[in-house]
Amino acid sequence: MHLPCFKAYDVRGRVGTDLIPEICTRIGRAFAQVMPQGPVVLGRDNRDSSPTLSDAVAGGLRMGGREVLDISQGGTEEVYFATSHLNAAGGIEITASHNPLSDNGLKFVGPGSRPLEHEGEYLKIKHLVETAVFPAPARVGRHRHVSTRAAYADKIVAFVDPMLLAPLTVVLNVGNGAAGAALGAISDRLAQAGSALRLIPIHDDAQAGFPNGVPNPLLPQNRAPTIEAVLHHKADLGVAFDGDFDRCFLFDETGAFIDGEHVVALLARALLAREPGAAIVHDPRVVFSIRQAIAQGGGRAFAAPTGHANLKRAMREHQAVYGGEMSAHHYFRDFMFCDSGMIPWLMVAALMSRTGQPLSALT
């Protein structure tokens, strides 16, 4: 079987041609055969094709004898969290993130929420999917629905002190993607903890057809709703998520889009204020403002090749507190060295609260 849907780190392709349920079933079988023993976490975004592909993956995992811990609709970082929280052998998220409506895909994670080893795991899975040489199943695993969202929200909110957050107005554009329910849980947890933040979600109902456009805020033409909402509500901060919300994009109080290197520098500054001298990993593209912020914070800067597996590997090697890419992937040691789209905007709000400065002045 020819598999153009297998990319460098994950699976992505056009549904019905590059990606069909049979391939997903084989992926589940292969994942079960290659990964260490234990249950597997399964999540999905809100695309029309995601439930069908998720069921196919679950079927393959079960035929491979694995128990499926299904967290249902949610984001990639919720699969990362659940994999460690539930001590699972790995996790799979069905998502095409910001890709066109015709696409879907799968993202993988191993035990401890680490990336799959490229040669030893990822390529073995690909080879098994191509050849479909699987042993006869000794038993069929269970399929259980579980909820880890409350614990996930607690983990995210723990990155800030809610009582120290100023009464900032924050617009959060979900883009009709998968972030709405997780954002609601985080918002509730912040309020319970005494936060004064005023959160204004827009387009927060998950709609498979993305009536306001596929959520890809990197495209300038997709930024207008966030900018308009920031100006309308006189917000201090604007945030826009991609479809599976492992990335977030920031706008200042004037509606200006904040380029990725400045967000990395901001977060490096925020983390170094907590841990002077800590290691920070960044990608090698636009680095002047990042390295300047790290030097000013007394930190140690390390460059790593782009790509989440490379950043995570370098972070573990240097025990870095934070890693950032211009593409809006932000990784945190205390979030299993994984990327999160929810932690960055909260940490920026905390930095604005501590300094008393608007985001335009901080960048």
Protein backbone atom coordinates (compact mmCIF):
# COMPACT_ATOMS: atom_id res chain seq x y z
CA MET A 1 0.00 0.00 0.00
CA HIS A 2 1.43 3.38 -1.07
CA LEU A 3 1.21 5.81 1.86
CA PRO A 4 1.74 9.47 0.91
CA CYS A 5 -0.12 10.40 4.10
CA PHE A 6 2.93 9.51 6.24
CA LYS A 7 4.87 12.76 6.64
CA ALA A 8 8.05 13.50 8.63
CA TYR A 9 6.50 13.12 12.09
CA ASP A 10 2.81 12.40 11.65
CA VAL A 11 0.07 11.35 9.23
CA ARG A 12 -1.86 13.81 7.12
CA GLY A 13 -3.71 13.59 3.85
CA ARG A 14 -6.87 13.98 1.83
CA VAL A 15 -9.75 11.96 3.28
CA GLY A 16 -11.07 9.30 0.92
CA THR A 17 -7.89 9.11 -1.15
CA ASP A 18 -4.71 9.46 0.93
CA LEU A 19 -6.47 8.63 4.19
CA ILE A 20 -9.24 6.03 4.49
CA PRO A 21 -10.61 4.01 7.42
CA GLU A 22 -8.66 0.88 6.34
CA ILE A 23 -5.39 2.78 6.68
CA CYS A 24 -6.44 4.05 10.11
CA THR A 25 -7.31 0.53 11.25
CA ARG A 26 -3.89 -0.65 10.12
CA ILE A 27 -2.29 2.28 11.95
CA GLY A 28 -4.05 1.22 15.14
CA ARG A 29 -2.84 -2.39 14.67
CA ALA A 30 0.70 -1.22 13.96
CA PHE A 31 0.78 1.20 16.91
CA ALA A 32 -0.36 -1.64 19.17
CA GLN A 33 2.37 -3.92 17.84
CA VAL A 34 5.25 -1.43 18.01
CA MET A 35 4.65 0.54 21.21
CA PRO A 36 5.29 -0.71 24.77
CA GLN A 37 2.50 -2.60 26.47
CA GLY A 38 -0.32 -0.67 28.09
CA PRO A 39 -3.47 1.28 27.23
CA VAL A 40 -3.54 3.90 24.48
CA VAL A 41 -5.21 7.31 24.71
CA LEU A 42 -7.33 8.36 21.71
CA GLY A 43 -8.71 11.83 20.97
CA ARG A 44 -10.07 13.69 17.95
CA ASP A 45 -10.84 17.14 16.64
CA ASN A 46 -14.24 18.26 15.36
CA ARG A 47 -13.91 17.61 11.63
CA ASP A 48 -16.69 15.63 9.94
CA SER A 49 -14.38 12.72 9.18
CA SER A 50 -12.76 12.52 12.63
CA PRO A 51 -15.31 10.22 14.37
CA THR A 52 -15.13 7.64 11.56
CA LEU A 53 -11.32 7.68 11.47
CA SER A 54 -11.17 7.57 15.27
CA ASP A 55 -13.41 4.49 15.32
CA ALA A 56 -11.15 2.83 12.75
CA VAL A 57 -8.03 3.53 14.81
CA ALA A 58 -9.77 2.27 17.95
CA GLY A 59 -10.72 -0.92 16.13
CA GLY A 60 -7.12 -1.52 15.09
CA LEU A 61 -5.82 -0.86 18.59
CA ARG A 62 -8.35 -3.26 20.08
CA MET A 63 -7.50 -5.97 17.55
CA GLY A 64 -3.92 -5.50 18.69
CA GLY A 65 -5.03 -6.26 22.23
CA ARG A 66 -4.88 -2.70 23.52
CA GLU A 67 -7.32 -0.99 25.84
CA VAL A 68 -8.46 2.27 24.25
CA LEU A 69 -8.87 5.24 26.60
CA ASP A 70 -11.08 7.50 24.51
CA ILE A 71 -11.16 11.15 25.61
CA SER A 72 -13.47 11.98 22.65
CA GLN A 73 -13.36 15.47 21.16
CA GLY A 74 -10.48 17.62 22.30
CA GLY A 75 -7.11 19.02 21.37
CA THR A 76 -3.72 17.46 20.75
CA GLU A 77 -2.35 18.76 24.02
CA GLU A 78 -5.20 17.04 25.87
CA VAL A 79 -3.95 13.73 24.41
CA TYR A 80 -0.41 14.64 25.52
CA PHE A 81 -1.70 15.35 29.01
CA ALA A 82 -3.93 12.30 29.25
CA THR A 83 -1.14 9.97 28.09
CA SER A 84 1.01 10.92 31.08
CA HIS A 85 -1.87 11.47 33.50
CA LEU A 86 -3.26 7.98 32.81
CA ASN A 87 0.19 6.36 32.56
CA ALA A 88 -0.65 5.13 29.06
CA ALA A 89 1.69 3.48 26.59
CA GLY A 90 0.99 6.19 24.02
CA GLY A 91 -1.62 8.41 22.49
CA ILE A 92 -3.14 9.28 19.12
CA GLU A 93 -5.01 12.45 18.14
CA ILE A 94 -7.14 12.48 14.99
CA THR A 95 -6.68 15.97 13.56
CA ALA A 96 -5.71 17.95 10.51
CA SER A 97 -5.23 21.08 12.63
CA HIS A 98 -5.22 24.06 10.23
CA ASN A 99 -5.26 22.07 6.98
CA PRO A 100 -8.06 22.38 4.40
CA LEU A 101 -11.48 20.87 5.08
CA SER A 102 -10.76 17.95 2.77
CA ASP A 103 -7.89 16.76 4.97
CA ASN A 104 -7.43 14.86 8.19
CA GLY A 105 -4.54 13.18 9.98
CA LEU A 106 -3.08 11.54 13.07
CA LYS A 107 -0.58 12.78 15.62
CA PHE A 108 1.29 10.29 17.80
CA VAL A 109 2.88 10.36 21.23
CA GLY A 110 4.71 7.69 23.22
CA PRO A 111 4.86 6.83 26.92
CA GLY A 112 5.62 9.80 29.13
CA SER A 113 4.23 11.99 26.33
CA ARG A 114 7.52 11.78 24.44
CA PRO A 115 7.71 11.87 20.62
CA LEU A 116 7.96 8.58 18.81
CA GLU A 117 11.48 7.47 17.92
CA HIS A 118 11.72 8.05 14.19
CA GLU A 119 13.61 4.90 13.20
CA GLY A 120 12.59 2.56 15.99
CA GLU A 121 8.88 3.36 16.21
CA TYR A 122 7.49 5.72 13.58
CA LEU A 123 9.04 4.04 10.53
CA LYS A 124 8.21 0.60 11.92
CA ILE A 125 4.58 1.64 12.18
CA LYS A 126 4.67 2.92 8.60
CA HIS A 127 6.22 -0.34 7.37
CA LEU A 128 3.59 -2.44 9.14
CA VAL A 129 0.80 -0.33 7.68
CA GLU A 130 2.30 -0.81 4.21
CA THR A 131 2.66 -4.58 4.53
CA ALA A 132 -0.28 -5.37 6.86
CA VAL A 133 1.67 -8.31 8.35
CA PHE A 134 -0.01 -8.59 11.72
CA PRO A 135 -0.22 -11.58 14.09
CA ALA A 136 -3.61 -13.07 14.80
CA PRO A 137 -5.10 -11.18 17.77
CA ALA A 138 -4.78 -13.11 21.02
CA ARG A 139 -7.53 -11.01 22.54
CA VAL A 140 -9.57 -7.91 21.72
CA GLY A 141 -8.98 -4.91 23.95
CA ARG A 142 -11.63 -2.82 25.66
CA HIS A 143 -12.82 0.60 24.50
CA ARG A 144 -13.48 2.94 27.43
CA HIS A 145 -14.55 6.58 27.40
CA VAL A 146 -12.69 8.62 30.01
CA SER A 147 -12.55 12.30 30.95
CA THR A 148 -9.33 14.04 31.95
CA ARG A 149 -10.43 17.60 31.15
CA ALA A 150 -10.81 18.80 34.76
CA ALA A 151 -7.33 17.56 35.64
CA TYR A 152 -5.98 19.08 32.41
CA ALA A 153 -7.51 22.48 33.27
CA ASP A 154 -5.92 22.31 36.72
CA LYS A 155 -2.55 21.60 35.10
CA ILE A 156 -2.84 24.59 32.74
CA VAL A 157 -3.97 27.03 35.42
CA ALA A 158 -1.11 25.94 37.69
CA PHE A 159 1.30 27.79 35.38
CA VAL A 160 0.07 31.12 36.82
CA ASP A 161 -1.18 32.45 40.14
CA PRO A 162 -4.80 33.36 39.33
CA MET A 163 -5.01 35.78 42.26
CA LEU A 164 -2.17 37.87 40.79
CA LEU A 165 -3.76 38.30 37.38
CA ALA A 166 -4.89 41.86 36.68
CA PRO A 167 -8.45 42.53 35.42
CA LEU A 168 -7.37 42.28 31.80
CA THR A 169 -9.84 41.76 28.97
CA VAL A 170 -8.81 38.88 26.75
CA VAL A 171 -10.50 37.96 23.45
CA LEU A 172 -10.10 34.28 22.54
CA ASN A 173 -10.96 33.27 18.98
CA VAL A 174 -11.53 29.51 18.91
CA GLY A 175 -12.18 29.55 15.15
CA ASN A 176 -14.98 26.95 15.54
CA GLY A 177 -12.26 24.38 16.26
CA ALA A 178 -11.79 21.96 19.14
CA ALA A 179 -10.67 24.44 21.81
CA GLY A 180 -14.07 25.63 23.07
CA ALA A 181 -14.74 22.98 25.73
CA ALA A 182 -11.18 23.02 27.07
CA LEU A 183 -11.24 26.82 27.21
CA GLY A 184 -14.51 26.68 29.13
CA ALA A 185 -12.96 24.34 31.71
CA ILE A 186 -9.91 26.60 32.07
CA SER A 187 -12.11 29.69 32.37
CA ASP A 188 -14.17 28.03 35.13
CA ARG A 189 -11.04 26.99 36.99
CA LEU A 190 -9.61 30.52 36.80
CA ALA A 191 -12.82 32.02 38.15
CA GLN A 192 -12.97 29.50 41.00
CA ALA A 193 -9.41 30.42 41.93
CA GLY A 194 -10.23 34.13 42.12
CA SER A 195 -8.89 35.34 38.78
CA ALA A 196 -9.95 38.85 37.68
CA LEU A 197 -9.40 38.14 33.99
CA ARG A 198 -12.35 38.96 31.73
CA LEU A 199 -12.37 36.29 29.03
CA ILE A 200 -14.41 36.85 25.87
CA PRO A 201 -14.54 33.76 23.63
CA ILE A 202 -15.67 34.15 20.02
CA HIS A 203 -16.50 31.43 17.46
CA ASP A 204 -16.22 28.97 20.35
CA ASP A 205 -18.84 26.49 19.13
CA ALA A 206 -17.19 23.52 17.43
CA GLN A 207 -18.43 23.35 13.84
CA ALA A 208 -17.01 20.81 11.41
CA GLY A 209 -17.52 23.09 8.41
CA PHE A 210 -15.58 26.02 9.93
CA PRO A 211 -18.09 28.68 8.81
CA ASN A 212 -15.63 31.45 9.68
CA GLY A 213 -12.77 29.86 7.74
CA VAL A 214 -10.36 27.03 8.55
CA PRO A 215 -8.62 28.11 11.77
CA ASN A 216 -5.16 29.10 10.58
CA PRO A 217 -4.28 32.49 12.09
CA LEU A 218 -0.89 32.48 10.38
CA LEU A 219 -2.74 33.55 7.23
CA PRO A 220 -3.25 37.34 7.33
CA GLN A 221 -6.69 37.01 5.74
CA ASN A 222 -7.86 34.95 8.75
CA ARG A 223 -6.95 37.52 11.39
CA ALA A 224 -9.72 40.07 10.85
CA PRO A 225 -12.30 38.56 13.30
CA THR A 226 -9.79 38.60 16.16
CA ILE A 227 -8.62 42.12 15.38
CA GLU A 228 -12.21 43.41 15.16
CA ALA A 229 -13.15 41.76 18.46
CA VAL A 230 -10.08 43.18 20.22
CA LEU A 231 -10.96 46.69 19.08
CA HIS A 232 -14.69 46.30 19.74
CA HIS A 233 -14.19 45.07 23.32
CA LYS A 234 -11.19 47.37 23.96
CA ALA A 235 -9.33 44.20 24.93
CA ASP A 236 -5.85 44.11 26.37
CA LEU A 237 -4.95 40.90 24.57
CA GLY A 238 -6.25 38.91 21.61
CA VAL A 239 -5.67 35.19 21.12
CA ALA A 240 -6.48 33.00 18.11
CA PHE A 241 -6.11 29.20 18.05
CA ASP A 242 -5.62 26.71 15.28
CA GLY A 243 -7.96 23.73 14.89
CA ASP A 244 -6.45 21.40 17.50
CA PHE A 245 -5.21 24.35 19.62
CA ASP A 246 -1.64 23.19 20.09
CA ARG A 247 -0.74 26.66 18.77
CA CYS A 248 -2.00 30.10 19.71
CA PHE A 249 -1.35 33.46 18.07
CA LEU A 250 -1.33 36.77 19.93
CA PHE A 251 -2.60 40.28 19.15
CA ASP A 252 -1.88 43.38 21.21
CA GLU A 253 -4.38 45.98 22.42
CA THR A 254 -4.16 47.86 19.09
CA GLY A 255 -5.09 44.71 17.15
CA ALA A 256 -1.53 44.25 15.87
CA PHE A 257 -0.43 40.67 15.24
CA ILE A 258 2.62 39.68 17.30
CA ASP A 259 5.23 37.86 15.23
CA GLY A 260 6.38 34.48 16.47
CA GLU A 261 9.92 35.42 17.48
CA HIS A 262 8.60 38.13 19.80
CA VAL A 263 6.25 35.68 21.51
CA VAL A 264 9.16 33.27 22.07
CA ALA A 265 11.18 36.12 23.56
CA LEU A 266 8.25 37.11 25.81
CA LEU A 267 7.80 33.60 27.13
CA ALA A 268 11.54 33.13 27.63
CA ARG A 269 11.52 36.33 29.67
CA ALA A 270 8.56 35.15 31.75
CA LEU A 271 10.10 31.74 32.50
CA LEU A 272 13.52 33.19 33.32
CA ALA A 273 11.92 35.57 35.81
CA ARG A 274 10.87 32.43 37.69
CA GLU A 275 14.04 30.42 37.09
CA PRO A 276 17.09 32.64 36.50
CA GLY A 277 19.82 30.80 34.66
CA ALA A 278 17.46 28.21 33.16
CA ALA A 279 18.02 26.74 29.72
CA ILE A 280 15.82 27.88 26.82
CA VAL A 281 15.63 26.08 23.46
CA HIS A 282 14.62 27.90 20.27
CA ASP A 283 14.52 27.18 16.56
CA PRO A 284 17.30 28.65 14.39
CA ARG A 285 15.35 31.08 12.25
CA VAL A 286 14.89 34.67 13.54
CA VAL A 287 16.84 34.65 16.80
CA PHE A 288 18.11 38.16 17.68
CA SER A 289 15.26 39.23 19.96
CA ILE A 290 15.05 35.73 21.46
CA ARG A 291 18.74 35.51 22.34
CA GLN A 292 18.65 39.09 23.66
CA ALA A 293 15.75 38.26 25.99
CA ILE A 294 17.49 35.08 27.18
CA ALA A 295 20.74 36.93 27.85
CA GLN A 296 18.94 39.70 29.73
CA GLY A 297 17.20 37.08 31.86
CA GLY A 298 20.48 35.33 32.67
CA GLY A 299 19.42 32.22 30.78
CA ARG A 300 21.28 29.75 28.59
CA ALA A 301 20.22 29.62 24.94
CA PHE A 302 20.33 26.49 22.80
CA ALA A 303 19.26 26.26 19.16
CA ALA A 304 17.60 23.13 17.79
CA PRO A 305 16.38 22.22 14.29
CA THR A 306 12.73 22.99 13.60
CA GLY A 307 10.14 20.31 14.26
CA HIS A 308 8.52 19.22 17.48
CA ALA A 309 10.59 16.05 17.87
CA ASN A 310 13.84 18.04 17.57
CA LEU A 311 12.75 20.73 20.05
CA LYS A 312 11.53 18.18 22.58
CA ARG A 313 14.70 16.13 22.28
CA ALA A 314 16.88 19.20 22.84
CA MET A 315 14.76 20.32 25.78
CA ARG A 316 15.17 16.98 27.50
CA GLU A 317 18.90 16.98 26.77
CA HIS A 318 19.38 20.41 28.37
CA GLN A 319 16.49 20.12 30.86
CA ALA A 320 15.20 23.37 29.38
CA VAL A 321 12.30 25.05 31.11
CA TYR A 322 10.89 26.27 27.79
CA GLY A 323 11.28 25.84 24.06
CA GLY A 324 9.74 27.97 21.33
CA GLU A 325 9.37 28.06 17.56
CA MET A 326 8.39 30.95 15.34
CA SER A 327 5.54 28.80 14.03
CA ALA A 328 3.76 29.33 17.40
CA HIS A 329 4.64 25.96 18.91
CA HIS A 330 5.59 26.54 22.54
CA TYR A 331 6.95 23.73 24.71
CA PHE A 332 7.11 23.59 28.49
CA ARG A 333 9.19 21.34 30.73
CA ASP A 334 6.41 21.26 33.30
CA PHE A 335 3.91 20.17 30.65
CA MET A 336 5.75 16.93 29.83
CA PHE A 337 8.11 18.90 27.51
CA CYS A 338 5.10 19.18 25.17
CA ASP A 339 3.58 22.03 23.20
CA SER A 340 0.50 23.84 24.41
CA GLY A 341 -1.68 26.56 22.95
CA MET A 342 -3.31 27.39 26.29
CA ILE A 343 -0.27 27.99 28.51
CA PRO A 344 1.31 30.81 26.40
CA TRP A 345 -1.54 33.31 26.51
CA LEU A 346 -2.02 32.74 30.23
CA MET A 347 1.68 33.33 30.89
CA VAL A 348 1.64 36.49 28.76
CA ALA A 349 -1.38 37.74 30.74
CA ALA A 350 0.58 37.04 33.93
CA LEU A 351 3.59 38.96 32.57
CA MET A 352 1.37 41.91 31.63
CA SER A 353 -0.16 41.80 35.11
CA ARG A 354 3.23 41.73 36.84
CA THR A 355 4.79 44.53 34.80
CA GLY A 356 1.70 46.70 34.40
CA GLN A 357 2.67 47.20 30.76
CA PRO A 358 0.48 46.71 27.69
CA LEU A 359 1.50 43.99 25.27
CA SER A 360 2.53 46.59 22.66
CA ALA A 361 5.16 47.88 25.09
CA LEU A 362 6.42 44.42 25.99
CA THR A 363 7.06 43.48 22.37
